[in-house]
PDB file of all heavy atoms in Angstrom:
ATOM      1  N   ALA A   1      -8.538   0.476 -51.158  1.00  0.00           N
ATOM      2  CA  ALA A   1      -9.072  -0.486 -52.163  1.00  0.00           C
ATOM      3  C   ALA A   1      -9.338  -1.884 -51.604  1.00  0.00           C
ATOM      4  O   ALA A   1     -10.375  -2.396 -51.860  1.00  0.00           O
ATOM      5  CB  ALA A   1      -8.057  -0.521 -53.296  1.00  0.00           C
ATOM      6  N   LYS A   2      -8.386  -2.298 -50.798  1.00  0.00           N
ATOM      7  CA  LYS A   2      -8.599  -3.595 -50.204  1.00  0.00           C
ATOM      8  C   LYS A   2      -9.824  -3.608 -49.262  1.00  0.00           C
ATOM      9  O   LYS A   2     -10.683  -4.485 -49.220  1.00  0.00           O
ATOM     10  CB  LYS A   2      -7.419  -4.018 -49.420  1.00  0.00           C
ATOM     11  CG  LYS A   2      -6.107  -4.403 -50.132  1.00  0.00           C
ATOM     12  CD  LYS A   2      -5.030  -4.839 -49.330  1.00  0.00           C
ATOM     13  CE  LYS A   2      -3.781  -5.118 -50.171  1.00  0.00           C
ATOM     14  NZ  LYS A   2      -2.681  -5.566 -49.368  1.00  0.00           N
ATOM     15  N   GLU A   3      -9.898  -2.529 -48.410  1.00  0.00           N
ATOM     16  CA  GLU A   3     -11.059  -2.383 -47.517  1.00  0.00           C
ATOM     17  C   GLU A   3     -12.358  -2.255 -48.276  1.00  0.00           C
ATOM     18  O   GLU A   3     -13.355  -2.719 -47.833  1.00  0.00           O
ATOM     19  CB  GLU A   3     -10.832  -1.217 -46.554  1.00  0.00           C
ATOM     20  CG  GLU A   3      -9.778  -1.399 -45.548  1.00  0.00           C
ATOM     21  CD  GLU A   3      -9.877  -2.598 -44.651  1.00  0.00           C
ATOM     22  OE1 GLU A   3     -10.978  -2.919 -44.262  1.00  0.00           O
ATOM     23  OE2 GLU A   3      -8.919  -3.272 -44.329  1.00  0.00           O
ATOM     24  N   THR A   4     -12.289  -1.547 -49.309  1.00  0.00           N
ATOM     25  CA  THR A   4     -13.424  -1.390 -50.315  1.00  0.00           C
ATOM     26  C   THR A   4     -13.945  -2.754 -50.734  1.00  0.00           C
ATOM     27  O   THR A   4     -15.058  -3.085 -50.828  1.00  0.00           O
ATOM     28  CB  THR A   4     -13.148  -0.361 -51.344  1.00  0.00           C
ATOM     29  OG1 THR A   4     -12.691   0.797 -50.744  1.00  0.00           O
ATOM     30  CG2 THR A   4     -14.470  -0.204 -52.224  1.00  0.00           C
ATOM     31  N   GLU A   5     -12.890  -3.575 -51.212  1.00  0.00           N
ATOM     32  CA  GLU A   5     -13.259  -4.868 -51.751  1.00  0.00           C
ATOM     33  C   GLU A   5     -13.831  -5.728 -50.578  1.00  0.00           C
ATOM     34  O   GLU A   5     -14.810  -6.443 -50.854  1.00  0.00           O
ATOM     35  CB  GLU A   5     -11.935  -5.548 -52.225  1.00  0.00           C
ATOM     36  CG  GLU A   5     -12.150  -6.801 -52.916  1.00  0.00           C
ATOM     37  CD  GLU A   5     -10.797  -7.428 -53.409  1.00  0.00           C
ATOM     38  OE1 GLU A   5      -9.772  -6.753 -53.292  1.00  0.00           O
ATOM     39  OE2 GLU A   5     -10.828  -8.603 -53.908  1.00  0.00           O
ATOM     40  N   LYS A   6     -13.195  -5.619 -49.398  1.00  0.00           N
ATOM     41  CA  LYS A   6     -13.774  -6.322 -48.310  1.00  0.00           C
ATOM     42  C   LYS A   6     -15.216  -5.916 -47.981  1.00  0.00           C
ATOM     43  O   LYS A   6     -16.120  -6.736 -47.759  1.00  0.00           O
ATOM     44  CB  LYS A   6     -12.832  -6.212 -46.985  1.00  0.00           C
ATOM     45  CG  LYS A   6     -11.572  -6.866 -47.079  1.00  0.00           C
ATOM     46  CD  LYS A   6     -10.726  -6.597 -45.799  1.00  0.00           C
ATOM     47  CE  LYS A   6      -9.466  -7.276 -45.861  1.00  0.00           C
ATOM     48  NZ  LYS A   6      -8.623  -7.051 -44.633  1.00  0.00           N
ATOM     49  N   LEU A   7     -15.383  -4.538 -48.040  1.00  0.00           N
ATOM     50  CA  LEU A   7     -16.760  -4.024 -47.780  1.00  0.00           C
ATOM     51  C   LEU A   7     -17.752  -4.499 -48.803  1.00  0.00           C
ATOM     52  O   LEU A   7     -18.838  -4.894 -48.400  1.00  0.00           O
ATOM     53  CB  LEU A   7     -16.639  -2.572 -47.814  1.00  0.00           C
ATOM     54  CG  LEU A   7     -17.879  -1.677 -47.557  1.00  0.00           C
ATOM     55  CD1 LEU A   7     -18.556  -2.069 -46.174  1.00  0.00           C
ATOM     56  CD2 LEU A   7     -17.673  -0.295 -47.718  1.00  0.00           C
ATOM     57  N   GLN A   8     -17.339  -4.559 -50.074  1.00  0.00           N
ATOM     58  CA  GLN A   8     -18.218  -4.987 -51.194  1.00  0.00           C
ATOM     59  C   GLN A   8     -18.586  -6.486 -50.878  1.00  0.00           C
ATOM     60  O   GLN A   8     -19.654  -6.945 -51.023  1.00  0.00           O
ATOM     61  CB  GLN A   8     -17.532  -4.834 -52.571  1.00  0.00           C
ATOM     62  CG  GLN A   8     -17.362  -3.374 -53.016  1.00  0.00           C
ATOM     63  CD  GLN A   8     -18.735  -2.675 -53.080  1.00  0.00           C
ATOM     64  OE1 GLN A   8     -19.728  -3.261 -53.416  1.00  0.00           O
ATOM     65  NE2 GLN A   8     -18.766  -1.378 -52.865  1.00  0.00           N
ATOM     66  N   PHE A   9     -17.529  -7.331 -50.504  1.00  0.00           N
ATOM     67  CA  PHE A   9     -17.790  -8.726 -50.211  1.00  0.00           C
ATOM     68  C   PHE A   9     -18.706  -8.821 -49.048  1.00  0.00           C
ATOM     69  O   PHE A   9     -19.670  -9.686 -49.024  1.00  0.00           O
ATOM     70  CB  PHE A   9     -16.383  -9.409 -49.929  1.00  0.00           C
ATOM     71  CG  PHE A   9     -16.598 -10.809 -49.581  1.00  0.00           C
ATOM     72  CD1 PHE A   9     -16.833 -11.725 -50.588  1.00  0.00           C
ATOM     73  CD2 PHE A   9     -16.404 -11.236 -48.302  1.00  0.00           C
ATOM     74  CE1 PHE A   9     -16.980 -13.142 -50.304  1.00  0.00           C
ATOM     75  CE2 PHE A   9     -16.536 -12.661 -48.017  1.00  0.00           C
ATOM     76  CZ  PHE A   9     -16.736 -13.513 -49.036  1.00  0.00           C
ATOM     77  N   ALA A  10     -18.424  -7.992 -48.001  1.00  0.00           N
ATOM     78  CA  ALA A  10     -19.288  -8.067 -46.735  1.00  0.00           C
ATOM     79  C   ALA A  10     -20.744  -7.626 -47.116  1.00  0.00           C
ATOM     80  O   ALA A  10     -21.731  -8.276 -46.646  1.00  0.00           O
ATOM     81  CB  ALA A  10     -18.852  -7.145 -45.694  1.00  0.00           C
ATOM     82  N   LEU A  11     -20.833  -6.605 -47.975  1.00  0.00           N
ATOM     83  CA  LEU A  11     -22.210  -6.194 -48.423  1.00  0.00           C
ATOM     84  C   LEU A  11     -22.900  -7.283 -49.206  1.00  0.00           C
ATOM     85  O   LEU A  11     -24.105  -7.465 -49.109  1.00  0.00           O
ATOM     86  CB  LEU A  11     -22.110  -4.964 -49.332  1.00  0.00           C
ATOM     87  CG  LEU A  11     -21.693  -3.615 -48.500  1.00  0.00           C
ATOM     88  CD1 LEU A  11     -21.535  -2.483 -49.520  1.00  0.00           C
ATOM     89  CD2 LEU A  11     -22.733  -3.280 -47.559  1.00  0.00           C
ATOM     90  N   GLY A  12     -22.110  -8.018 -50.085  1.00  0.00           N
ATOM     91  CA  GLY A  12     -22.788  -9.171 -50.792  1.00  0.00           C
ATOM     92  C   GLY A  12     -23.193 -10.226 -49.812  1.00  0.00           C
ATOM     93  O   GLY A  12     -24.292 -10.782 -49.920  1.00  0.00           O
ATOM     94  N   GLU A  13     -22.329 -10.547 -48.829  1.00  0.00           N
ATOM     95  CA  GLU A  13     -22.661 -11.546 -47.847  1.00  0.00           C
ATOM     96  C   GLU A  13     -23.981 -11.043 -47.019  1.00  0.00           C
ATOM     97  O   GLU A  13     -24.844 -11.774 -46.712  1.00  0.00           O
ATOM     98  CB  GLU A  13     -21.637 -11.752 -46.844  1.00  0.00           C
ATOM     99  CG  GLU A  13     -20.489 -12.570 -47.368  1.00  0.00           C
ATOM    100  CD  GLU A  13     -19.419 -12.937 -46.301  1.00  0.00           C
ATOM    101  OE1 GLU A  13     -19.391 -12.206 -45.278  1.00  0.00           O
ATOM    102  OE2 GLU A  13     -18.632 -13.832 -46.510  1.00  0.00           O
ATOM    103  N   VAL A  14     -23.980  -9.768 -46.655  1.00  0.00           N
ATOM    104  CA  VAL A  14     -25.066  -9.187 -45.980  1.00  0.00           C
ATOM    105  C   VAL A  14     -26.335  -9.357 -46.721  1.00  0.00           C
ATOM    106  O   VAL A  14     -27.389  -9.666 -46.288  1.00  0.00           O
ATOM    107  CB  VAL A  14     -24.840  -7.707 -45.564  1.00  0.00           C
ATOM    108  CG1 VAL A  14     -26.193  -6.990 -45.194  1.00  0.00           C
ATOM    109  CG2 VAL A  14     -23.823  -7.598 -44.496  1.00  0.00           C
ATOM    110  N   GLU A  15     -26.211  -9.067 -48.048  1.00  0.00           N
ATOM    111  CA  GLU A  15     -27.426  -9.154 -48.993  1.00  0.00           C
ATOM    112  C   GLU A  15     -27.912 -10.569 -48.999  1.00  0.00           C
ATOM    113  O   GLU A  15     -29.068 -10.899 -48.890  1.00  0.00           O
ATOM    114  CB  GLU A  15     -27.113  -8.663 -50.359  1.00  0.00           C
ATOM    115  CG  GLU A  15     -28.199  -8.643 -51.342  1.00  0.00           C
ATOM    116  CD  GLU A  15     -27.872  -8.174 -52.691  1.00  0.00           C
ATOM    117  OE1 GLU A  15     -26.724  -7.754 -52.934  1.00  0.00           O
ATOM    118  OE2 GLU A  15     -28.813  -8.144 -53.568  1.00  0.00           O
ATOM    119  N   VAL A  16     -26.982 -11.564 -49.108  1.00  0.00           N
ATOM    120  CA  VAL A  16     -27.296 -13.000 -49.114  1.00  0.00           C
ATOM    121  C   VAL A  16     -28.018 -13.358 -47.802  1.00  0.00           C
ATOM    122  O   VAL A  16     -29.039 -14.029 -47.842  1.00  0.00           O
ATOM    123  CB  VAL A  16     -26.111 -13.859 -49.394  1.00  0.00           C
ATOM    124  CG1 VAL A  16     -26.384 -15.318 -49.236  1.00  0.00           C
ATOM    125  CG2 VAL A  16     -25.494 -13.630 -50.831  1.00  0.00           C
ATOM    126  N   LEU A  17     -27.335 -12.918 -46.737  1.00  0.00           N
ATOM    127  CA  LEU A  17     -27.954 -13.186 -45.350  1.00  0.00           C
ATOM    128  C   LEU A  17     -29.275 -12.608 -45.255  1.00  0.00           C
ATOM    129  O   LEU A  17     -30.116 -13.174 -44.673  1.00  0.00           O
ATOM    130  CB  LEU A  17     -26.903 -12.860 -44.342  1.00  0.00           C
ATOM    131  CG  LEU A  17     -25.634 -13.563 -44.163  1.00  0.00           C
ATOM    132  CD1 LEU A  17     -24.741 -12.875 -43.138  1.00  0.00           C
ATOM    133  CD2 LEU A  17     -25.903 -15.046 -43.877  1.00  0.00           C
ATOM    134  N   SER A  18     -29.417 -11.388 -45.847  1.00  0.00           N
ATOM    135  CA  SER A  18     -30.702 -10.691 -45.559  1.00  0.00           C
ATOM    136  C   SER A  18     -31.823 -11.449 -46.438  1.00  0.00           C
ATOM    137  O   SER A  18     -32.959 -11.621 -45.836  1.00  0.00           O
ATOM    138  CB  SER A  18     -30.612  -9.321 -46.148  1.00  0.00           C
ATOM    139  OG  SER A  18     -29.659  -8.458 -45.430  1.00  0.00           O
ATOM    140  N   LYS A  19     -31.422 -12.011 -47.622  1.00  0.00           N
ATOM    141  CA  LYS A  19     -32.410 -12.734 -48.364  1.00  0.00           C
ATOM    142  C   LYS A  19     -32.705 -14.081 -47.614  1.00  0.00           C
ATOM    143  O   LYS A  19     -33.910 -14.405 -47.496  1.00  0.00           O
ATOM    144  CB  LYS A  19     -31.907 -12.979 -49.696  1.00  0.00           C
ATOM    145  CG  LYS A  19     -31.825 -11.776 -50.594  1.00  0.00           C
ATOM    146  CD  LYS A  19     -31.223 -12.119 -51.968  1.00  0.00           C
ATOM    147  CE  LYS A  19     -31.198 -10.920 -52.904  1.00  0.00           C
ATOM    148  NZ  LYS A  19     -30.666 -11.238 -54.243  1.00  0.00           N
ATOM    149  N   GLN A  20     -31.605 -14.723 -47.077  1.00  0.00           N
ATOM    150  CA  GLN A  20     -31.890 -15.907 -46.349  1.00  0.00           C
ATOM    151  C   GLN A  20     -32.809 -15.623 -45.087  1.00  0.00           C
ATOM    152  O   GLN A  20     -33.653 -16.405 -44.809  1.00  0.00           O
ATOM    153  CB  GLN A  20     -30.539 -16.477 -45.860  1.00  0.00           C
ATOM    154  CG  GLN A  20     -30.677 -17.881 -45.170  1.00  0.00           C
ATOM    155  CD  GLN A  20     -29.324 -18.360 -44.801  1.00  0.00           C
ATOM    156  OE1 GLN A  20     -28.275 -17.841 -45.180  1.00  0.00           O
ATOM    157  NE2 GLN A  20     -29.296 -19.484 -44.104  1.00  0.00           N
ATOM    158  N   LEU A  21     -32.488 -14.556 -44.415  1.00  0.00           N
ATOM    159  CA  LEU A  21     -33.213 -14.129 -43.293  1.00  0.00           C
ATOM    160  C   LEU A  21     -34.669 -13.891 -43.592  1.00  0.00           C
ATOM    161  O   LEU A  21     -35.603 -14.221 -42.821  1.00  0.00           O
ATOM    162  CB  LEU A  21     -32.591 -12.908 -42.567  1.00  0.00           C
ATOM    163  CG  LEU A  21     -33.314 -12.455 -41.197  1.00  0.00           C
ATOM    164  CD1 LEU A  21     -33.205 -13.440 -40.218  1.00  0.00           C
ATOM    165  CD2 LEU A  21     -32.613 -11.145 -40.816  1.00  0.00           C
ATOM    166  N   GLU A  22     -34.920 -13.262 -44.728  1.00  0.00           N
ATOM    167  CA  GLU A  22     -36.227 -12.983 -45.104  1.00  0.00           C
ATOM    168  C   GLU A  22     -37.021 -14.316 -45.432  1.00  0.00           C
ATOM    169  O   GLU A  22     -38.209 -14.404 -45.049  1.00  0.00           O
ATOM    170  CB  GLU A  22     -36.183 -12.065 -46.407  1.00  0.00           C
ATOM    171  CG  GLU A  22     -37.556 -11.661 -46.848  1.00  0.00           C
ATOM    172  CD  GLU A  22     -38.315 -10.731 -45.965  1.00  0.00           C
ATOM    173  OE1 GLU A  22     -37.653 -10.080 -45.136  1.00  0.00           O
ATOM    174  OE2 GLU A  22     -39.548 -10.705 -45.961  1.00  0.00           O
ATOM    175  N   ARG A  23     -36.327 -15.167 -46.105  1.00  0.00           N
ATOM    176  CA  ARG A  23     -36.979 -16.527 -46.393  1.00  0.00           C
ATOM    177  C   ARG A  23     -37.250 -17.242 -45.041  1.00  0.00           C
ATOM    178  O   ARG A  23     -38.398 -17.808 -44.866  1.00  0.00           O
ATOM    179  CB  ARG A  23     -36.005 -17.415 -47.283  1.00  0.00           C
ATOM    180  CG  ARG A  23     -35.906 -16.961 -48.650  1.00  0.00           C
ATOM    181  CD  ARG A  23     -35.299 -18.022 -49.502  1.00  0.00           C
ATOM    182  NE  ARG A  23     -33.913 -18.287 -49.066  1.00  0.00           N
ATOM    183  CZ  ARG A  23     -32.814 -17.727 -49.570  1.00  0.00           C
ATOM    184  NH1 ARG A  23     -32.925 -16.729 -50.337  1.00  0.00           N
ATOM    185  NH2 ARG A  23     -31.627 -18.094 -49.050  1.00  0.00           N
ATOM    186  N   GLU A  24     -36.298 -17.209 -44.183  1.00  0.00           N
ATOM    187  CA  GLU A  24     -36.537 -17.846 -42.839  1.00  0.00           C
ATOM    188  C   GLU A  24     -37.648 -17.079 -41.997  1.00  0.00           C
ATOM    189  O   GLU A  24     -38.452 -17.792 -41.368  1.00  0.00           O
ATOM    190  CB  GLU A  24     -35.239 -17.822 -42.021  1.00  0.00           C
ATOM    191  CG  GLU A  24     -34.167 -18.769 -42.591  1.00  0.00           C
ATOM    192  CD  GLU A  24     -32.898 -18.646 -41.722  1.00  0.00           C
ATOM    193  OE1 GLU A  24     -32.798 -17.854 -40.855  1.00  0.00           O
ATOM    194  OE2 GLU A  24     -31.964 -19.409 -42.088  1.00  0.00           O
ATOM    195  N   LYS A  25     -37.625 -15.858 -42.176  1.00  0.00           N
ATOM    196  CA  LYS A  25     -38.715 -15.091 -41.504  1.00  0.00           C
ATOM    197  C   LYS A  25     -40.136 -15.441 -42.082  1.00  0.00           C
ATOM    198  O   LYS A  25     -41.044 -15.613 -41.358  1.00  0.00           O
ATOM    199  CB  LYS A  25     -38.542 -13.515 -41.729  1.00  0.00           C
ATOM    200  CG  LYS A  25     -39.536 -12.661 -41.062  1.00  0.00           C
ATOM    201  CD  LYS A  25     -39.287 -11.224 -41.346  1.00  0.00           C
ATOM    202  CE  LYS A  25     -40.278 -10.310 -40.688  1.00  0.00           C
ATOM    203  NZ  LYS A  25     -40.017  -8.862 -40.916  1.00  0.00           N
TER     204      LYS A  25
END
């Protein structure tokens, strides 16, 4: 459950970073 929560948080960060990367791109 903890790792799932971390994974969900990491996925959220990845999504944010992906959007930021897309804007920068």
